[in-house]
C-alpha atoms as a PDB file:
ATOM      1  CA  MET A   1       5.035  38.607 -39.509  1.00  0.00           C
ATOM      2  CA  ARG A   2       1.471  37.361 -39.044  1.00  0.00           C
ATOM      3  CA  TYR A   3       2.538  33.739 -39.557  1.00  0.00           C
ATOM      4  CA  LEU A   4       5.432  34.194 -37.137  1.00  0.00           C
ATOM      5  CA  GLN A   5       3.082  35.509 -34.450  1.00  0.00           C
ATOM      6  CA  LEU A   6       0.718  32.565 -34.930  1.00  0.00           C
ATOM      7  CA  PHE A   7       3.638  30.156 -34.760  1.00  0.00           C
ATOM      8  CA  LEU A   8       4.914  31.677 -31.501  1.00  0.00           C
ATOM      9  CA  ILE A   9       1.435  31.554 -29.953  1.00  0.00           C
ATOM     10  CA  ALA A  10       1.036  27.910 -30.963  1.00  0.00           C
ATOM     11  CA  LEU A  11       4.496  27.110 -29.609  1.00  0.00           C
ATOM     12  CA  ALA A  12       3.723  28.768 -26.276  1.00  0.00           C
ATOM     13  CA  PHE A  13       0.412  26.923 -26.041  1.00  0.00           C
ATOM     14  CA  HIS A  14       2.109  23.597 -26.774  1.00  0.00           C
ATOM     15  CA  ALA A  15       4.758  24.214 -24.124  1.00  0.00           C
ATOM     16  CA  HIS A  16       2.071  25.081 -21.574  1.00  0.00           C
ATOM     17  CA  ALA A  17       0.067  21.965 -22.448  1.00  0.00           C
ATOM     18  CA  GLN A  18       3.144  19.796 -21.958  1.00  0.00           C
ATOM     19  CA  THR A  19       3.818  21.180 -18.463  1.00  0.00           C
ATOM     20  CA  PRO A  20       0.859  20.335 -16.216  1.00  0.00           C
ATOM     21  CA  PRO A  21       0.638  22.098 -12.854  1.00  0.00           C
ATOM     22  CA  ALA A  22       2.200  20.370  -9.872  1.00  0.00           C
ATOM     23  CA  ILE A  23      -0.179  18.287  -7.767  1.00  0.00           C
ATOM     24  CA  GLU A  24      -0.514  19.405  -4.165  1.00  0.00           C
ATOM     25  CA  GLY A  25      -0.516  16.476  -1.739  1.00  0.00           C
ATOM     26  CA  PRO A  26      -0.494  12.803  -2.798  1.00  0.00           C
ATOM     27  CA  VAL A  27      -0.204  12.118  -6.527  1.00  0.00           C
ATOM     28  CA  TYR A  28      -2.541   9.473  -7.974  1.00  0.00           C
ATOM     29  CA  VAL A  29      -1.409   7.939 -11.254  1.00  0.00           C
ATOM     30  CA  ALA A  30      -3.355   5.684 -13.614  1.00  0.00           C
ATOM     31  CA  THR A  31      -1.285   4.241 -16.467  1.00  0.00           C
ATOM     32  CA  TYR A  32      -2.873   2.260 -19.288  1.00  0.00           C
ATOM     33  CA  VAL A  33      -0.811  -0.265 -21.226  1.00  0.00           C
ATOM     34  CA  GLU A  34      -1.935  -2.267 -24.250  1.00  0.00           C
ATOM     35  CA  LEU A  35       0.305  -5.068 -25.467  1.00  0.00           C
ATOM     36  CA  VAL A  36       0.338  -6.824 -28.801  1.00  0.00           C
ATOM     37  CA  PRO A  37      -1.412 -10.193 -28.271  1.00  0.00           C
ATOM     38  CA  ALA A  38       1.791 -12.115 -28.984  1.00  0.00           C
ATOM     39  CA  GLY A  39       3.618 -10.008 -26.385  1.00  0.00           C
ATOM     40  CA  ILE A  40       1.528 -10.892 -23.320  1.00  0.00           C
ATOM     41  CA  GLY A  41       3.957 -13.643 -22.310  1.00  0.00           C
ATOM     42  CA  GLU A  42       6.837 -11.173 -22.238  1.00  0.00           C
ATOM     43  CA  GLY A  43       4.960  -8.023 -21.276  1.00  0.00           C
ATOM     44  CA  GLY A  44       3.060  -9.473 -18.333  1.00  0.00           C
ATOM     45  CA  PRO A  45       6.175 -10.348 -16.295  1.00  0.00           C
ATOM     46  CA  LEU A  46       7.764  -7.032 -17.328  1.00  0.00           C
ATOM     47  CA  LEU A  47       4.791  -5.138 -15.869  1.00  0.00           C
ATOM     48  CA  LYS A  48       5.012  -7.141 -12.647  1.00  0.00           C
ATOM     49  CA  GLN A  49       8.732  -6.396 -12.311  1.00  0.00           C
ATOM     50  CA  TYR A  50       8.063  -2.692 -12.780  1.00  0.00           C
ATOM     51  CA  ARG A  51       5.250  -2.766 -10.211  1.00  0.00           C
ATOM     52  CA  ASP A  52       7.419  -4.537  -7.648  1.00  0.00           C
ATOM     53  CA  ALA A  53      10.375  -2.202  -8.204  1.00  0.00           C
ATOM     54  CA  SER A  54       8.134   0.870  -7.951  1.00  0.00           C
ATOM     55  CA  ARG A  55       6.763  -0.263  -4.600  1.00  0.00           C
ATOM     56  CA  LYS A  56      10.285   0.039  -3.209  1.00  0.00           C
ATOM     57  CA  ASP A  57      10.698   3.653  -4.358  1.00  0.00           C
ATOM     58  CA  ALA A  58      10.741   6.325  -1.678  1.00  0.00           C
ATOM     59  CA  GLY A  59       7.310   7.901  -1.320  1.00  0.00           C
ATOM     60  CA  ASN A  60       5.333   5.110  -2.962  1.00  0.00           C
ATOM     61  CA  GLN A  61       2.070   4.504  -1.111  1.00  0.00           C
ATOM     62  CA  ARG A  62       0.397   2.079  -3.489  1.00  0.00           C
ATOM     63  CA  MET A  63       1.248   0.343  -6.771  1.00  0.00           C
ATOM     64  CA  GLU A  64      -1.100  -2.183  -8.334  1.00  0.00           C
ATOM     65  CA  LEU A  65      -1.312  -4.044 -11.610  1.00  0.00           C
ATOM     66  CA  VAL A  66      -4.691  -4.989 -13.065  1.00  0.00           C
ATOM     67  CA  GLN A  67      -5.653  -6.813 -16.265  1.00  0.00           C
ATOM     68  CA  GLU A  68      -8.799  -6.076 -18.269  1.00  0.00           C
ATOM     69  CA  VAL A  69     -11.504  -8.741 -18.150  1.00  0.00           C
ATOM     70  CA  GLY A  70     -12.023 -10.230 -21.607  1.00  0.00           C
ATOM     71  CA  ARG A  71      -9.113  -8.212 -23.058  1.00  0.00           C
ATOM     72  CA  PRO A  72      -5.982  -9.879 -21.619  1.00  0.00           C
ATOM     73  CA  SER A  73      -3.641  -7.655 -23.639  1.00  0.00           C
ATOM     74  CA  ARG A  74      -4.815  -4.553 -21.734  1.00  0.00           C
ATOM     75  CA  PHE A  75      -3.402  -3.625 -18.328  1.00  0.00           C
ATOM     76  CA  ALA A  76      -3.457  -0.680 -15.967  1.00  0.00           C
ATOM     77  CA  LEU A  77      -1.015   0.377 -13.256  1.00  0.00           C
ATOM     78  CA  LEU A  78      -2.516   2.247 -10.314  1.00  0.00           C
ATOM     79  CA  GLY A  79      -0.089   4.149  -8.126  1.00  0.00           C
ATOM     80  CA  ILE A  80      -0.032   6.712  -5.353  1.00  0.00           C
ATOM     81  CA  TRP A  81       2.994   8.857  -4.514  1.00  0.00           C
ATOM     82  CA  ALA A  82       3.383  10.858  -1.329  1.00  0.00           C
ATOM     83  CA  ASP A  83       3.943  14.094  -3.255  1.00  0.00           C
ATOM     84  CA  GLN A  84       5.055  15.581  -6.562  1.00  0.00           C
ATOM     85  CA  LYS A  85       8.725  15.278  -5.621  1.00  0.00           C
ATOM     86  CA  ALA A  86       8.442  11.524  -4.983  1.00  0.00           C
ATOM     87  CA  PHE A  87       6.572  11.021  -8.256  1.00  0.00           C
ATOM     88  CA  GLU A  88       9.163  12.957 -10.247  1.00  0.00           C
ATOM     89  CA  ALA A  89      11.997  10.984  -8.618  1.00  0.00           C
ATOM     90  CA  HIS A  90      10.245   7.752  -9.615  1.00  0.00           C
ATOM     91  CA  ALA A  91       9.897   9.010 -13.202  1.00  0.00           C
ATOM     92  CA  LYS A  92      13.674   9.546 -13.325  1.00  0.00           C
ATOM     93  CA  ALA A  93      14.569   6.213 -11.691  1.00  0.00           C
ATOM     94  CA  ALA A  94      16.700   3.763 -13.655  1.00  0.00           C
ATOM     95  CA  HIS A  95      14.128   0.977 -13.386  1.00  0.00           C
ATOM     96  CA  THR A  96      11.444   3.275 -14.829  1.00  0.00           C
ATOM     97  CA  ALA A  97      13.587   4.115 -17.864  1.00  0.00           C
ATOM     98  CA  GLN A  98      14.474   0.442 -18.363  1.00  0.00           C
ATOM     99  CA  PHE A  99      10.825  -0.579 -18.139  1.00  0.00           C
ATOM    100  CA  ARG A 100       9.675   1.943 -20.720  1.00  0.00           C
ATOM    101  CA  ASP A 101      12.486   1.019 -23.064  1.00  0.00           C
ATOM    102  CA  ARG A 102      11.749  -2.719 -22.864  1.00  0.00           C
ATOM    103  CA  LEU A 103       8.011  -2.132 -23.165  1.00  0.00           C
ATOM    104  CA  LYS A 104       8.414  -0.655 -26.662  1.00  0.00           C
ATOM    105  CA  ALA A 105       9.048  -4.113 -28.129  1.00  0.00           C
ATOM    106  CA  VAL A 106       5.621  -5.446 -27.058  1.00  0.00           C
ATOM    107  CA  ASN A 107       3.501  -2.285 -26.780  1.00  0.00           C
ATOM    108  CA  ALA A 108       0.534  -2.022 -29.139  1.00  0.00           C
ATOM    109  CA  ALA A 109      -0.438   1.559 -28.229  1.00  0.00           C
ATOM    110  CA  PRO A 110       1.187   4.643 -26.730  1.00  0.00           C
ATOM    111  CA  TYR A 111       2.059   4.534 -23.029  1.00  0.00           C
ATOM    112  CA  ASP A 112      -0.904   6.410 -21.496  1.00  0.00           C
ATOM    113  CA  GLU A 113      -0.087   7.920 -18.084  1.00  0.00           C
ATOM    114  CA  ARG A 114      -2.644  10.154 -16.352  1.00  0.00           C
ATOM    115  CA  VAL A 115      -1.667  12.130 -13.260  1.00  0.00           C
ATOM    116  CA  HIS A 116      -4.318  13.128 -10.729  1.00  0.00           C
ATOM    117  CA  SER A 117      -4.992  14.603  -7.354  1.00  0.00           C
ATOM    118  CA  GLY A 118      -7.206  12.677  -4.950  1.00  0.00           C
ATOM    119  CA  MET A 119     -10.572  14.443  -5.046  1.00  0.00           C
ATOM    120  CA  ALA A 120     -12.746  11.981  -3.112  1.00  0.00           C
ATOM    121  CA  VAL A 121     -10.611   9.140  -1.797  1.00  0.00           C
ATOM    122  CA  GLY A 122     -10.575   6.760   1.144  1.00  0.00           C
ATOM    123  CA  ALA A 123      -7.827   4.775   2.820  1.00  0.00           C
ATOM    124  CA  LYS A 124      -4.745   3.865   0.784  1.00  0.00           C
ATOM    125  CA  ASP A 125      -5.462   0.174   1.298  1.00  0.00           C
ATOM    126  CA  ALA A 126      -3.289  -2.696   0.154  1.00  0.00           C
ATOM    127  CA  PRO A 127      -4.150  -4.380  -3.161  1.00  0.00           C
ATOM    128  CA  ARG A 128      -6.304  -7.484  -3.064  1.00  0.00           C
ATOM    129  CA  ALA A 129      -5.476 -10.169  -5.616  1.00  0.00           C
ATOM    130  CA  GLY A 130      -8.443 -11.435  -7.601  1.00  0.00           C
ATOM    131  CA  ALA A 131     -10.716  -8.502  -6.750  1.00  0.00           C
ATOM    132  CA  LEU A 132     -12.847  -6.929  -9.459  1.00  0.00           C
ATOM    133  CA  VAL A 133     -11.509  -3.467 -10.314  1.00  0.00           C
ATOM    134  CA  VAL A 134     -13.541  -0.950 -12.287  1.00  0.00           C
ATOM    135  CA  LEU A 135     -11.909   2.063 -13.951  1.00  0.00           C
ATOM    136  CA  THR A 136     -14.185   4.739 -15.362  1.00  0.00           C
ATOM    137  CA  HIS A 137     -13.189   7.893 -17.216  1.00  0.00           C
ATOM    138  CA  VAL A 138     -15.645  10.753 -16.696  1.00  0.00           C
ATOM    139  CA  ASP A 139     -15.232  13.731 -19.033  1.00  0.00           C
ATOM    140  CA  VAL A 140     -17.389  16.863 -18.884  1.00  0.00           C
ATOM    141  CA  PRO A 141     -17.017  20.237 -20.651  1.00  0.00           C
ATOM    142  CA  GLY A 142     -14.865  22.671 -18.689  1.00  0.00           C
ATOM    143  CA  ALA A 143     -17.817  24.895 -17.822  1.00  0.00           C
ATOM    144  CA  LEU A 144     -19.503  21.975 -16.030  1.00  0.00           C
ATOM    145  CA  LYS A 145     -16.489  20.917 -13.961  1.00  0.00           C
ATOM    146  CA  ASP A 146     -17.730  22.511 -10.736  1.00  0.00           C
ATOM    147  CA  ALA A 147     -21.216  21.099 -11.254  1.00  0.00           C
ATOM    148  CA  VAL A 148     -20.071  17.491 -11.594  1.00  0.00           C
ATOM    149  CA  VAL A 149     -17.722  17.501  -8.573  1.00  0.00           C
ATOM    150  CA  PRO A 150     -20.467  17.246  -5.889  1.00  0.00           C
ATOM    151  CA  VAL A 151     -22.257  14.584  -7.956  1.00  0.00           C
ATOM    152  CA  LEU A 152     -19.099  12.464  -8.009  1.00  0.00           C
ATOM    153  CA  ARG A 153     -18.526  13.041  -4.284  1.00  0.00           C
ATOM    154  CA  GLU A 154     -22.047  11.868  -3.452  1.00  0.00           C
ATOM    155  CA  LEU A 155     -21.576   8.717  -5.520  1.00  0.00           C
ATOM    156  CA  SER A 156     -18.238   7.988  -3.850  1.00  0.00           C
ATOM    157  CA  GLU A 157     -19.557   8.358  -0.296  1.00  0.00           C
ATOM    158  CA  ALA A 158     -22.661   6.253  -0.936  1.00  0.00           C
ATOM    159  CA  SER A 159     -20.762   3.523  -2.776  1.00  0.00           C
ATOM    160  CA  ARG A 160     -18.196   3.051   0.002  1.00  0.00           C
ATOM    161  CA  ARG A 161     -21.029   2.042   2.326  1.00  0.00           C
ATOM    162  CA  GLU A 162     -22.154  -0.796   0.049  1.00  0.00           C
ATOM    163  CA  ALA A 163     -21.606  -4.442   0.945  1.00  0.00           C
ATOM    164  CA  GLY A 164     -18.610  -5.864  -0.894  1.00  0.00           C
ATOM    165  CA  ASN A 165     -16.995  -2.516  -1.676  1.00  0.00           C
ATOM    166  CA  LEU A 166     -13.249  -2.538  -1.051  1.00  0.00           C
ATOM    167  CA  ARG A 167     -12.473   0.871  -2.563  1.00  0.00           C
ATOM    168  CA  PHE A 168     -14.233   3.751  -4.256  1.00  0.00           C
ATOM    169  CA  GLU A 169     -12.272   6.856  -5.103  1.00  0.00           C
ATOM    170  CA  VAL A 170     -12.514   9.759  -7.520  1.00  0.00           C
ATOM    171  CA  GLN A 171      -9.304  11.217  -8.909  1.00  0.00           C
ATOM    172  CA  GLN A 172      -9.123  14.556 -10.744  1.00  0.00           C
ATOM    173  CA  GLN A 173      -6.688  14.928 -13.621  1.00  0.00           C
ATOM    174  CA  GLY A 174      -4.037  17.578 -12.997  1.00  0.00           C
ATOM    175  CA  ASN A 175      -3.676  19.039 -16.488  1.00  0.00           C
ATOM    176  CA  ARG A 176      -7.364  18.647 -17.403  1.00  0.00           C
ATOM    177  CA  PRO A 177      -9.436  19.230 -14.228  1.00  0.00           C
ATOM    178  CA  ASN A 178     -12.689  18.513 -16.070  1.00  0.00           C
ATOM    179  CA  HIS A 179     -11.527  14.904 -16.523  1.00  0.00           C
ATOM    180  CA  PHE A 180     -11.903  12.386 -13.698  1.00  0.00           C
ATOM    181  CA  THR A 181     -10.908   8.773 -13.089  1.00  0.00           C
ATOM    182  CA  VAL A 182     -13.154   6.690 -10.848  1.00  0.00           C
ATOM    183  CA  VAL A 183     -11.385   3.694  -9.289  1.00  0.00           C
ATOM    184  CA  GLU A 184     -13.578   1.004  -7.752  1.00  0.00           C
ATOM    185  CA  MET A 185     -12.689  -2.328  -6.163  1.00  0.00           C
ATOM    186  CA  TRP A 186     -15.319  -4.960  -5.385  1.00  0.00           C
ATOM    187  CA  ALA A 187     -15.020  -8.275  -3.574  1.00  0.00           C
ATOM    188  CA  ASP A 188     -16.716 -10.118  -6.458  1.00  0.00           C
ATOM    189  CA  PRO A 189     -18.861  -9.553  -9.572  1.00  0.00           C
ATOM    190  CA  LYS A 190     -22.062  -9.988  -7.558  1.00  0.00           C
ATOM    191  CA  ALA A 191     -21.187  -7.002  -5.344  1.00  0.00           C
ATOM    192  CA  HIS A 192     -20.474  -4.907  -8.422  1.00  0.00           C
ATOM    193  CA  GLU A 193     -23.759  -5.922 -10.058  1.00  0.00           C
ATOM    194  CA  ALA A 194     -25.625  -4.852  -6.925  1.00  0.00           C
ATOM    195  CA  HIS A 195     -23.831  -1.506  -7.077  1.00  0.00           C
ATOM    196  CA  VAL A 196     -24.849  -0.971 -10.700  1.00  0.00           C
ATOM    197  CA  MET A 197     -28.502  -1.494  -9.730  1.00  0.00           C
ATOM    198  CA  ALA A 198     -28.330   0.628  -6.555  1.00  0.00           C
ATOM    199  CA  GLY A 199     -30.530   3.700  -6.422  1.00  0.00           C
ATOM    200  CA  HIS A 200     -27.646   6.126  -5.877  1.00  0.00           C
ATOM    201  CA  THR A 201     -25.773   4.711  -8.889  1.00  0.00           C
ATOM    202  CA  ARG A 202     -28.775   5.102 -11.167  1.00  0.00           C
ATOM    203  CA  GLN A 203     -29.391   8.626  -9.881  1.00  0.00           C
ATOM    204  CA  PHE A 204     -25.752   9.494 -10.541  1.00  0.00           C
ATOM    205  CA  ARG A 205     -25.960   8.359 -14.148  1.00  0.00           C
ATOM    206  CA  GLU A 206     -29.191  10.282 -14.681  1.00  0.00           C
ATOM    207  CA  LYS A 207     -27.559  13.467 -13.357  1.00  0.00           C
ATOM    208  CA  LEU A 208     -24.352  12.881 -15.306  1.00  0.00           C
ATOM    209  CA  GLY A 209     -26.041  12.118 -18.625  1.00  0.00           C
ATOM    210  CA  PRO A 210     -26.692  15.718 -19.726  1.00  0.00           C
ATOM    211  CA  MET A 211     -23.202  16.794 -18.635  1.00  0.00           C
ATOM    212  CA  VAL A 212     -20.861  14.239 -20.214  1.00  0.00           C
ATOM    213  CA  GLY A 213     -18.532  15.486 -22.928  1.00  0.00           C
ATOM    214  CA  ALA A 214     -17.462  12.036 -24.165  1.00  0.00           C
ATOM    215  CA  LEU A 215     -18.488   8.399 -24.019  1.00  0.00           C
ATOM    216  CA  TYR A 216     -18.862   7.102 -20.447  1.00  0.00           C
ATOM    217  CA  ASP A 217     -15.840   4.792 -20.512  1.00  0.00           C
ATOM    218  CA  GLU A 218     -16.128   2.020 -17.904  1.00  0.00           C
ATOM    219  CA  ARG A 219     -13.769  -0.982 -17.981  1.00  0.00           C
ATOM    220  CA  LEU A 220     -13.558  -4.050 -15.746  1.00  0.00           C
ATOM    221  CA  TYR A 221     -10.234  -5.464 -14.572  1.00  0.00           C
ATOM    222  CA  ARG A 222      -8.852  -8.157 -12.284  1.00  0.00           C
ATOM    223  CA  ALA A 223      -6.179  -7.328  -9.732  1.00  0.00           C
ATOM    224  CA  ILE A 224      -3.238  -9.692 -10.240  1.00  0.00           C
ATOM    225  CA  ASP A 225      -0.337 -10.813  -8.053  1.00  0.00           C
END
């Protein structure tokens, strides 16, 4: 009986973990894709086709494709959907199913899709080809979630005022609200370098240091047509 009770508890926990709460308002989605090196020639166009088809879906407000600098087999798709209903309809669309099925042949790692709410975001601007995009995953212990939110907001507001900044937004993960994705877009590497050295950026990292629950994961990408 004891083992049965433990099994039922574990099963209930697993079911809960697999059903994240619905996002209220626009849904921000960051999807990470890693291809086998030999599959870039096939996977790259496949990702572009999926991006273009998704932009035509009802409720899509932004869909971008970026490629990691120095790691050409790594890509990310950055999307915004008007609401949970639009996002769920996209997930069930025929072109989404076809894309995921075809991706299996060239995928080197699991399809990693992270669904967020927009915590500190600006305008839903159009993508800019060739811009430098920075994606950072910020993870803090659950007890420090409320403490890190104002720190991230301050960084976002200050960074948007910098020369060369095209976008700076903080997204909060729906099923793990102590996890955040920071999406930056800079006109060129020089603007990003200036941001890294800015006083408010250095102060942010000093404040964040004692709170982080995992490696500060920052990756540079190029927006592609």
